[in-house]
């Protein structure tokens, strides 16, 4: 006879009691420098897989650099993912 017992110790699907703090995600190194020739002007966003410029720069003397010049900055990618909270006048009324 075989008995199986469910272990709830590591079950991540258990609901948290109300008011319990959710565990925070561990910090990640989101923007990893893609170095070439000792320069770190381009990085890889490890969250989205997108390449980005680490600062606002542009190749001016290279006509084939349009693809690189069109990369967004890493900061603009980060800002675009921040949540925006919209408060309307009706939200300000007390119940």
PDB file of N, CA and C in Angstrom:
ATOM      1  N   UNK A   1       0.847  -1.162   0.000  1.00  0.00           N
ATOM      2  CA  UNK A   1       0.000   0.000   0.000  1.00  0.00           C
ATOM      3  C   UNK A   1       0.901   1.236   0.000  1.00  0.00           C
ATOM      4  N   UNK A   2       0.551   2.226  -0.832  1.00  0.00           N
ATOM      5  CA  UNK A   2       1.346   3.435  -0.976  1.00  0.00           C
ATOM      6  C   UNK A   2       0.518   4.630  -0.547  1.00  0.00           C
ATOM      7  N   UNK A   3       1.080   5.434   0.352  1.00  0.00           N
ATOM      8  CA  UNK A   3       0.411   6.638   0.821  1.00  0.00           C
ATOM      9  C   UNK A   3       1.184   7.851   0.327  1.00  0.00           C
ATOM     10  N   UNK A   4       0.481   8.790  -0.251  1.00  0.00           N
ATOM     11  CA  UNK A   4       1.086  10.036  -0.686  1.00  0.00           C
ATOM     12  C   UNK A   4       0.532  11.168   0.157  1.00  0.00           C
ATOM     13  N   UNK A   5       1.413  12.013   0.611  1.00  0.00           N
ATOM     14  CA  UNK A   5       0.991  13.144   1.423  1.00  0.00           C
ATOM     15  C   UNK A   5       1.446  14.425   0.760  1.00  0.00           C
ATOM     16  N   UNK A   6       0.556  15.372   0.668  1.00  0.00           N
ATOM     17  CA  UNK A   6       0.887  16.655   0.063  1.00  0.00           C
ATOM     18  C   UNK A   6       1.626  17.503   1.089  1.00  0.00           C
ATOM     19  N   UNK A   7       2.758  18.043   0.655  1.00  0.00           N
ATOM     20  CA  UNK A   7       3.525  18.932   1.511  1.00  0.00           C
ATOM     21  C   UNK A   7       3.233  20.362   1.113  1.00  0.00           C
ATOM     22  N   UNK A   8       2.762  21.163   2.061  1.00  0.00           N
ATOM     23  CA  UNK A   8       2.433  22.553   1.768  1.00  0.00           C
ATOM     24  C   UNK A   8       3.597  23.500   2.045  1.00  0.00           C
ATOM     25  N   UNK A   9       4.711  22.995   2.496  1.00  0.00           N
ATOM     26  CA  UNK A   9       5.826  23.839   2.897  1.00  0.00           C
ATOM     27  C   UNK A   9       6.386  24.699   1.780  1.00  0.00           C
ATOM     28  N   UNK A  10       6.454  24.199   0.570  1.00  0.00           N
ATOM     29  CA  UNK A  10       7.055  24.953  -0.529  1.00  0.00           C
ATOM     30  C   UNK A  10       6.047  25.304  -1.609  1.00  0.00           C
ATOM     31  N   UNK A  11       4.784  25.200  -1.302  1.00  0.00           N
ATOM     32  CA  UNK A  11       3.759  25.462  -2.299  1.00  0.00           C
ATOM     33  C   UNK A  11       3.606  26.967  -2.489  1.00  0.00           C
ATOM     34  N   UNK A  12       4.047  27.471  -3.635  1.00  0.00           N
ATOM     35  CA  UNK A  12       3.988  28.907  -3.887  1.00  0.00           C
ATOM     36  C   UNK A  12       2.594  29.353  -4.306  1.00  0.00           C
ATOM     37  N   UNK A  13       1.665  28.423  -4.475  1.00  0.00           N
ATOM     38  CA  UNK A  13       0.322  28.801  -4.885  1.00  0.00           C
ATOM     39  C   UNK A  13      -0.579  29.091  -3.695  1.00  0.00           C
ATOM     40  N   UNK A  14      -0.077  28.898  -2.483  1.00  0.00           N
ATOM     41  CA  UNK A  14      -0.896  29.185  -1.313  1.00  0.00           C
ATOM     42  C   UNK A  14      -1.191  30.669  -1.262  1.00  0.00           C
ATOM     43  N   UNK A  15      -2.407  31.009  -0.883  1.00  0.00           N
ATOM     44  CA  UNK A  15      -2.747  32.423  -0.797  1.00  0.00           C
ATOM     45  C   UNK A  15      -2.183  33.002   0.492  1.00  0.00           C
ATOM     46  N   UNK A  16      -1.748  34.245   0.401  1.00  0.00           N
ATOM     47  CA  UNK A  16      -1.219  34.949   1.553  1.00  0.00           C
ATOM     48  C   UNK A  16      -2.391  35.525   2.342  1.00  0.00           C
ATOM     49  N   UNK A  17      -2.283  35.562   3.657  1.00  0.00           N
ATOM     50  CA  UNK A  17      -3.339  36.213   4.430  1.00  0.00           C
ATOM     51  C   UNK A  17      -3.402  37.694   4.082  1.00  0.00           C
ATOM     52  N   UNK A  18      -4.602  38.271   4.206  1.00  0.00           N
ATOM     53  CA  UNK A  18      -4.758  39.688   3.886  1.00  0.00           C
ATOM     54  C   UNK A  18      -3.829  40.510   4.768  1.00  0.00           C
ATOM     55  N   UNK A  19      -3.223  41.503   4.138  1.00  0.00           N
ATOM     56  CA  UNK A  19      -2.314  42.377   4.866  1.00  0.00           C
ATOM     57  C   UNK A  19      -0.895  41.843   4.946  1.00  0.00           C
ATOM     58  N   UNK A  20      -0.685  40.599   4.496  1.00  0.00           N
ATOM     59  CA  UNK A  20       0.671  40.036   4.518  1.00  0.00           C
ATOM     60  C   UNK A  20       1.481  40.654   3.388  1.00  0.00           C
ATOM     61  N   UNK A  21       2.719  40.927   3.677  1.00  0.00           N
ATOM     62  CA  UNK A  21       3.584  41.534   2.666  1.00  0.00           C
ATOM     63  C   UNK A  21       4.024  40.479   1.669  1.00  0.00           C
ATOM     64  N   UNK A  22       3.910  40.814   0.387  1.00  0.00           N
ATOM     65  CA  UNK A  22       4.333  39.905  -0.665  1.00  0.00           C
ATOM     66  C   UNK A  22       5.857  39.857  -0.699  1.00  0.00           C
ATOM     67  N   UNK A  23       6.425  38.685  -0.962  1.00  0.00           N
ATOM     68  CA  UNK A  23       7.888  38.624  -1.050  1.00  0.00           C
ATOM     69  C   UNK A  23       8.382  39.460  -2.218  1.00  0.00           C
ATOM     70  N   UNK A  24       9.481  40.164  -2.003  1.00  0.00           N
ATOM     71  CA  UNK A  24      10.041  41.009  -3.049  1.00  0.00           C
ATOM     72  C   UNK A  24      10.913  40.176  -3.963  1.00  0.00           C
ATOM     73  N   UNK A  25      10.914  40.562  -5.253  1.00  0.00           N
ATOM     74  CA  UNK A  25      11.763  39.881  -6.215  1.00  0.00           C
ATOM     75  C   UNK A  25      13.212  40.245  -5.925  1.00  0.00           C
ATOM     76  N   UNK A  26      14.110  39.294  -6.081  1.00  0.00           N
ATOM     77  CA  UNK A  26      15.514  39.632  -5.853  1.00  0.00           C
ATOM     78  C   UNK A  26      15.984  40.615  -6.918  1.00  0.00           C
ATOM     79  N   UNK A  27      16.883  41.512  -6.547  1.00  0.00           N
ATOM     80  CA  UNK A  27      17.357  42.475  -7.544  1.00  0.00           C
ATOM     81  C   UNK A  27      18.116  41.769  -8.653  1.00  0.00           C
ATOM     82  N   UNK A  28      17.948  42.273  -9.859  1.00  0.00           N
ATOM     83  CA  UNK A  28      18.661  41.698 -10.997  1.00  0.00           C
ATOM     84  C   UNK A  28      19.523  42.772 -11.625  1.00  0.00           C
ATOM     85  N   UNK A  29      20.546  42.357 -12.298  1.00  0.00           N
ATOM     86  CA  UNK A  29      21.353  43.299 -13.066  1.00  0.00           C
ATOM     87  C   UNK A  29      20.674  43.429 -14.408  1.00  0.00           C
ATOM     88  N   UNK A  30      19.761  44.344 -14.498  1.00  0.00           N
ATOM     89  CA  UNK A  30      18.894  44.439 -15.660  1.00  0.00           C
ATOM     90  C   UNK A  30      19.634  44.860 -16.918  1.00  0.00           C
ATOM     91  N   UNK A  31      20.453  45.879 -16.848  1.00  0.00           N
ATOM     92  CA  UNK A  31      21.149  46.386 -18.032  1.00  0.00           C
ATOM     93  C   UNK A  31      22.606  45.950 -17.977  1.00  0.00           C
ATOM     94  N   UNK A  32      22.954  45.006 -18.838  1.00  0.00           N
ATOM     95  CA  UNK A  32      24.311  44.468 -18.898  1.00  0.00           C
ATOM     96  C   UNK A  32      25.054  45.115 -20.062  1.00  0.00           C
ATOM     97  N   UNK A  33      26.216  45.666 -19.776  1.00  0.00           N
ATOM     98  CA  UNK A  33      27.001  46.338 -20.812  1.00  0.00           C
ATOM     99  C   UNK A  33      27.443  45.348 -21.882  1.00  0.00           C
ATOM    100  N   UNK A  34      27.334  45.775 -23.121  1.00  0.00           N
ATOM    101  CA  UNK A  34      27.834  45.012 -24.262  1.00  0.00           C
ATOM    102  C   UNK A  34      29.108  45.739 -24.673  1.00  0.00           C
ATOM    103  N   UNK A  35      30.230  45.232 -24.234  1.00  0.00           N
ATOM    104  CA  UNK A  35      31.479  45.954 -24.468  1.00  0.00           C
ATOM    105  C   UNK A  35      32.108  45.547 -25.791  1.00  0.00           C
ATOM    106  N   UNK A  36      32.573  46.535 -26.491  1.00  0.00           N
ATOM    107  CA  UNK A  36      33.341  46.316 -27.708  1.00  0.00           C
ATOM    108  C   UNK A  36      34.399  47.409 -27.766  1.00  0.00           C
ATOM    109  N   UNK A  37      35.605  47.014 -27.949  1.00  0.00           N
ATOM    110  CA  UNK A  37      36.720  47.961 -27.994  1.00  0.00           C
ATOM    111  C   UNK A  37      36.819  48.760 -26.698  1.00  0.00           C
ATOM    112  N   UNK A  38      36.491  48.142 -25.580  1.00  0.00           N
ATOM    113  CA  UNK A  38      36.607  48.811 -24.289  1.00  0.00           C
ATOM    114  C   UNK A  38      35.526  49.831 -23.994  1.00  0.00           C
ATOM    115  N   UNK A  39      34.529  49.928 -24.845  1.00  0.00           N
ATOM    116  CA  UNK A  39      33.460  50.908 -24.664  1.00  0.00           C
ATOM    117  C   UNK A  39      32.200  50.210 -24.152  1.00  0.00           C
ATOM    118  N   UNK A  40      31.444  50.894 -23.305  1.00  0.00           N
ATOM    119  CA  UNK A  40      30.181  50.325 -22.823  1.00  0.00           C
ATOM    120  C   UNK A  40      29.026  51.268 -23.143  1.00  0.00           C
ATOM    121  N   UNK A  41      28.969  51.707 -24.390  1.00  0.00           N
ATOM    122  CA  UNK A  41      27.920  52.629 -24.825  1.00  0.00           C
ATOM    123  C   UNK A  41      26.605  51.935 -25.140  1.00  0.00           C
ATOM    124  N   UNK A  42      26.636  50.612 -25.284  1.00  0.00           N
ATOM    125  CA  UNK A  42      25.441  49.832 -25.593  1.00  0.00           C
ATOM    126  C   UNK A  42      25.278  48.774 -24.504  1.00  0.00           C
ATOM    127  N   UNK A  43      24.024  48.525 -24.144  1.00  0.00           N
ATOM    128  CA  UNK A  43      23.736  47.521 -23.115  1.00  0.00           C
ATOM    129  C   UNK A  43      22.594  46.630 -23.586  1.00  0.00           C
ATOM    130  N   UNK A  44      22.476  45.487 -22.935  1.00  0.00           N
ATOM    131  CA  UNK A  44      21.380  44.552 -23.186  1.00  0.00           C
ATOM    132  C   UNK A  44      20.434  44.618 -22.000  1.00  0.00           C
ATOM    133  N   UNK A  45      19.164  44.879 -22.272  1.00  0.00           N
ATOM    134  CA  UNK A  45      18.136  44.852 -21.227  1.00  0.00           C
ATOM    135  C   UNK A  45      17.792  43.382 -21.002  1.00  0.00           C
ATOM    136  N   UNK A  46      18.209  42.832 -19.890  1.00  0.00           N
ATOM    137  CA  UNK A  46      18.006  41.400 -19.633  1.00  0.00           C
ATOM    138  C   UNK A  46      16.550  41.059 -19.361  1.00  0.00           C
ATOM    139  N   UNK A  47      15.727  42.053 -19.114  1.00  0.00           N
ATOM    140  CA  UNK A  47      14.299  41.797 -18.895  1.00  0.00           C
ATOM    141  C   UNK A  47      13.554  41.641 -20.215  1.00  0.00           C
ATOM    142  N   UNK A  48      13.907  42.470 -21.214  1.00  0.00           N
ATOM    143  CA  UNK A  48      13.181  42.449 -22.484  1.00  0.00           C
ATOM    144  C   UNK A  48      13.989  41.867 -23.636  1.00  0.00           C
ATOM    145  N   UNK A  49      15.316  41.762 -23.460  1.00  0.00           N
ATOM    146  CA  UNK A  49      16.169  41.265 -24.531  1.00  0.00           C
ATOM    147  C   UNK A  49      16.494  42.326 -25.571  1.00  0.00           C
ATOM    148  N   UNK A  50      16.186  43.570 -25.277  1.00  0.00           N
ATOM    149  CA  UNK A  50      16.383  44.662 -26.218  1.00  0.00           C
ATOM    150  C   UNK A  50      17.727  45.343 -25.966  1.00  0.00           C
ATOM    151  N   UNK A  51      18.393  45.744 -27.053  1.00  0.00           N
ATOM    152  CA  UNK A  51      19.606  46.540 -26.925  1.00  0.00           C
ATOM    153  C   UNK A  51      19.221  47.994 -26.685  1.00  0.00           C
ATOM    154  N   UNK A  52      20.070  48.706 -25.944  1.00  0.00           N
ATOM    155  CA  UNK A  52      19.803  50.119 -25.680  1.00  0.00           C
ATOM    156  C   UNK A  52      21.111  50.878 -25.536  1.00  0.00           C
ATOM    157  N   UNK A  53      21.035  52.190 -25.714  1.00  0.00           N
ATOM    158  CA  UNK A  53      22.196  53.061 -25.530  1.00  0.00           C
ATOM    159  C   UNK A  53      22.267  53.455 -24.064  1.00  0.00           C
ATOM    160  N   UNK A  54      23.461  53.409 -23.493  1.00  0.00           N
ATOM    161  CA  UNK A  54      23.604  53.706 -22.071  1.00  0.00           C
ATOM    162  C   UNK A  54      23.572  55.196 -21.771  1.00  0.00           C
ATOM    163  N   UNK A  55      23.681  56.017 -22.785  1.00  0.00           N
ATOM    164  CA  UNK A  55      23.548  57.462 -22.642  1.00  0.00           C
ATOM    165  C   UNK A  55      23.126  58.037 -23.991  1.00  0.00           C
ATOM    166  N   UNK A  56      22.749  59.282 -24.013  1.00  0.00           N
ATOM    167  CA  UNK A  56      22.241  59.911 -25.239  1.00  0.00           C
ATOM    168  C   UNK A  56      23.411  60.295 -26.143  1.00  0.00           C
ATOM    169  N   UNK A  57      23.667  59.485 -27.147  1.00  0.00           N
ATOM    170  CA  UNK A  57      24.753  59.726 -28.094  1.00  0.00           C
ATOM    171  C   UNK A  57      24.278  59.364 -29.489  1.00  0.00           C
ATOM    172  N   UNK A  58      25.047  59.741 -30.485  1.00  0.00           N
ATOM    173  CA  UNK A  58      24.686  59.469 -31.868  1.00  0.00           C
ATOM    174  C   UNK A  58      25.950  59.422 -32.723  1.00  0.00           C
ATOM    175  N   UNK A  59      26.026  58.424 -33.601  1.00  0.00           N
ATOM    176  CA  UNK A  59      27.108  58.368 -34.584  1.00  0.00           C
ATOM    177  C   UNK A  59      26.785  59.372 -35.683  1.00  0.00           C
ATOM    178  N   UNK A  60      27.718  60.278 -35.940  1.00  0.00           N
ATOM    179  CA  UNK A  60      27.462  61.293 -36.969  1.00  0.00           C
ATOM    180  C   UNK A  60      28.240  61.042 -38.244  1.00  0.00           C
ATOM    181  N   UNK A  61      29.394  60.394 -38.172  1.00  0.00           N
ATOM    182  CA  UNK A  61      30.249  60.225 -39.346  1.00  0.00           C
ATOM    183  C   UNK A  61      30.126  58.852 -39.989  1.00  0.00           C
ATOM    184  N   UNK A  62      29.138  58.075 -39.592  1.00  0.00           N
ATOM    185  CA  UNK A  62      28.990  56.728 -40.112  1.00  0.00           C
ATOM    186  C   UNK A  62      27.585  56.578 -40.700  1.00  0.00           C
ATOM    187  N   UNK A  63      27.445  56.610 -42.028  1.00  0.00           N
ATOM    188  CA  UNK A  63      26.110  56.538 -42.635  1.00  0.00           C
ATOM    189  C   UNK A  63      25.418  55.193 -42.428  1.00  0.00           C
ATOM    190  N   UNK A  64      26.155  54.160 -42.067  1.00  0.00           N
ATOM    191  CA  UNK A  64      25.533  52.849 -41.851  1.00  0.00           C
ATOM    192  C   UNK A  64      25.122  52.645 -40.395  1.00  0.00           C
ATOM    193  N   UNK A  65      25.215  53.674 -39.571  1.00  0.00           N
ATOM    194  CA  UNK A  65      24.924  53.540 -38.142  1.00  0.00           C
ATOM    195  C   UNK A  65      23.470  53.850 -37.786  1.00  0.00           C
ATOM    196  N   UNK A  66      22.589  53.915 -38.769  1.00  0.00           N
ATOM    197  CA  UNK A  66      21.192  54.249 -38.481  1.00  0.00           C
ATOM    198  C   UNK A  66      20.553  53.278 -37.502  1.00  0.00           C
ATOM    199  N   UNK A  67      20.879  51.996 -37.607  1.00  0.00           N
ATOM    200  CA  UNK A  67      20.301  51.021 -36.683  1.00  0.00           C
ATOM    201  C   UNK A  67      20.739  51.297 -35.248  1.00  0.00           C
ATOM    202  N   UNK A  68      22.002  51.626 -35.079  1.00  0.00           N
ATOM    203  CA  UNK A  68      22.506  51.910 -33.729  1.00  0.00           C
ATOM    204  C   UNK A  68      21.935  53.219 -33.211  1.00  0.00           C
ATOM    205  N   UNK A  69      21.869  54.213 -34.052  1.00  0.00           N
ATOM    206  CA  UNK A  69      21.326  55.512 -33.636  1.00  0.00           C
ATOM    207  C   UNK A  69      19.848  55.432 -33.265  1.00  0.00           C
ATOM    208  N   UNK A  70      19.144  54.457 -33.795  1.00  0.00           N
ATOM    209  CA  UNK A  70      17.715  54.347 -33.503  1.00  0.00           C
ATOM    210  C   UNK A  70      17.432  53.575 -32.212  1.00  0.00           C
ATOM    211  N   UNK A  71      18.462  53.046 -31.571  1.00  0.00           N
ATOM    212  CA  UNK A  71      18.247  52.346 -30.300  1.00  0.00           C
ATOM    213  C   UNK A  71      17.762  53.323 -29.236  1.00  0.00           C
ATOM    214  N   UNK A  72      16.803  52.912 -28.417  1.00  0.00           N
ATOM    215  CA  UNK A  72      16.375  53.795 -27.317  1.00  0.00           C
ATOM    216  C   UNK A  72      17.445  53.810 -26.231  1.00  0.00           C
ATOM    217  N   UNK A  73      17.377  54.789 -25.359  1.00  0.00           N
ATOM    218  CA  UNK A  73      18.279  54.769 -24.211  1.00  0.00           C
ATOM    219  C   UNK A  73      17.738  53.781 -23.184  1.00  0.00           C
ATOM    220  N   UNK A  74      18.625  53.241 -22.395  1.00  0.00           N
ATOM    221  CA  UNK A  74      18.201  52.298 -21.347  1.00  0.00           C
ATOM    222  C   UNK A  74      17.265  52.989 -20.363  1.00  0.00           C
ATOM    223  N   UNK A  75      17.549  54.244 -20.083  1.00  0.00           N
ATOM    224  CA  UNK A  75      16.716  54.999 -19.155  1.00  0.00           C
ATOM    225  C   UNK A  75      15.295  55.163 -19.695  1.00  0.00           C
ATOM    226  N   UNK A  76      15.157  55.396 -20.998  1.00  0.00           N
ATOM    227  CA  UNK A  76      13.815  55.552 -21.567  1.00  0.00           C
ATOM    228  C   UNK A  76      13.036  54.237 -21.506  1.00  0.00           C
ATOM    229  N   UNK A  77      13.732  53.118 -21.662  1.00  0.00           N
ATOM    230  CA  UNK A  77      13.058  51.814 -21.518  1.00  0.00           C
ATOM    231  C   UNK A  77      12.574  51.648 -20.084  1.00  0.00           C
ATOM    232  N   UNK A  78      13.433  51.975 -19.141  1.00  0.00           N
ATOM    233  CA  UNK A  78      13.073  51.861 -17.725  1.00  0.00           C
ATOM    234  C   UNK A  78      11.864  52.739 -17.397  1.00  0.00           C
ATOM    235  N   UNK A  79      11.887  53.984 -17.867  1.00  0.00           N
ATOM    236  CA  UNK A  79      10.778  54.900 -17.583  1.00  0.00           C
ATOM    237  C   UNK A  79       9.474  54.441 -18.222  1.00  0.00           C
ATOM    238  N   UNK A  80       9.558  53.836 -19.402  1.00  0.00           N
ATOM    239  CA  UNK A  80       8.342  53.421 -20.098  1.00  0.00           C
ATOM    240  C   UNK A  80       7.619  52.294 -19.374  1.00  0.00           C
ATOM    241  N   UNK A  81       8.309  51.603 -18.496  1.00  0.00           N
ATOM    242  CA  UNK A  81       7.681  50.489 -17.776  1.00  0.00           C
ATOM    243  C   UNK A  81       7.166  50.884 -16.401  1.00  0.00           C
ATOM    244  N   UNK A  82       7.417  52.103 -15.985  1.00  0.00           N
ATOM    245  CA  UNK A  82       6.927  52.554 -14.687  1.00  0.00           C
ATOM    246  C   UNK A  82       5.421  52.730 -14.758  1.00  0.00           C
ATOM    247  N   UNK A  83       4.753  52.333 -13.713  1.00  0.00           N
ATOM    248  CA  UNK A  83       3.294  52.429 -13.691  1.00  0.00           C
ATOM    249  C   UNK A  83       2.873  53.867 -13.420  1.00  0.00           C
ATOM    250  N   UNK A  84       1.875  54.287 -14.142  1.00  0.00           N
ATOM    251  CA  UNK A  84       1.323  55.622 -13.970  1.00  0.00           C
ATOM    252  C   UNK A  84      -0.021  55.497 -13.263  1.00  0.00           C
ATOM    253  N   UNK A  85      -0.193  56.278 -12.220  1.00  0.00           N
ATOM    254  CA  UNK A  85      -1.461  56.278 -11.486  1.00  0.00           C
ATOM    255  C   UNK A  85      -2.240  57.518 -11.903  1.00  0.00           C
ATOM    256  N   UNK A  86      -3.448  57.298 -12.366  1.00  0.00           N
ATOM    257  CA  UNK A  86      -4.297  58.408 -12.807  1.00  0.00           C
ATOM    258  C   UNK A  86      -5.355  58.631 -11.736  1.00  0.00           C
ATOM    259  N   UNK A  87      -5.422  59.837 -11.239  1.00  0.00           N
ATOM    260  CA  UNK A  87      -6.426  60.187 -10.237  1.00  0.00           C
ATOM    261  C   UNK A  87      -7.389  61.162 -10.865  1.00  0.00           C
ATOM    262  N   UNK A  88      -8.648  60.811 -10.809  1.00  0.00           N
ATOM    263  CA  UNK A  88      -9.689  61.692 -11.359  1.00  0.00           C
ATOM    264  C   UNK A  88     -10.336  62.475 -10.216  1.00  0.00           C
ATOM    265  N   UNK A  89     -11.052  63.563 -10.527  1.00  0.00           N
ATOM    266  CA  UNK A  89     -11.736  64.325  -9.477  1.00  0.00           C
ATOM    267  C   UNK A  89     -12.718  63.471  -8.672  1.00  0.00           C
ATOM    268  N   UNK A  90     -13.317  62.470  -9.334  1.00  0.00           N
ATOM    269  CA  UNK A  90     -14.253  61.604  -8.603  1.00  0.00           C
ATOM    270  C   UNK A  90     -13.535  60.761  -7.567  1.00  0.00           C
ATOM    271  N   UNK A  91     -12.261  60.445  -7.803  1.00  0.00           N
ATOM    272  CA  UNK A  91     -11.486  59.682  -6.836  1.00  0.00           C
ATOM    273  C   UNK A  91     -11.207  60.511  -5.578  1.00  0.00           C
ATOM    274  N   UNK A  92     -11.221  61.836  -5.713  1.00  0.00           N
ATOM    275  CA  UNK A  92     -10.892  62.704  -4.612  1.00  0.00           C
ATOM    276  C   UNK A  92     -12.074  62.954  -3.683  1.00  0.00           C
ATOM    277  N   UNK A  93     -13.295  62.641  -4.153  1.00  0.00           N
ATOM    278  CA  UNK A  93     -14.491  62.860  -3.323  1.00  0.00           C
ATOM    279  C   UNK A  93     -14.507  61.862  -2.181  1.00  0.00           C
ATOM    280  N   UNK A  94     -14.877  62.331  -1.018  1.00  0.00           N
ATOM    281  CA  UNK A  94     -14.973  61.413   0.108  1.00  0.00           C
ATOM    282  C   UNK A  94     -16.301  60.678   0.071  1.00  0.00           C
ATOM    283  N   UNK A  95     -16.334  59.453   0.558  1.00  0.00           N
ATOM    284  CA  UNK A  95     -17.561  58.630   0.480  1.00  0.00           C
ATOM    285  C   UNK A  95     -18.662  59.115   1.379  1.00  0.00           C
TER     286      UNK A  95
END
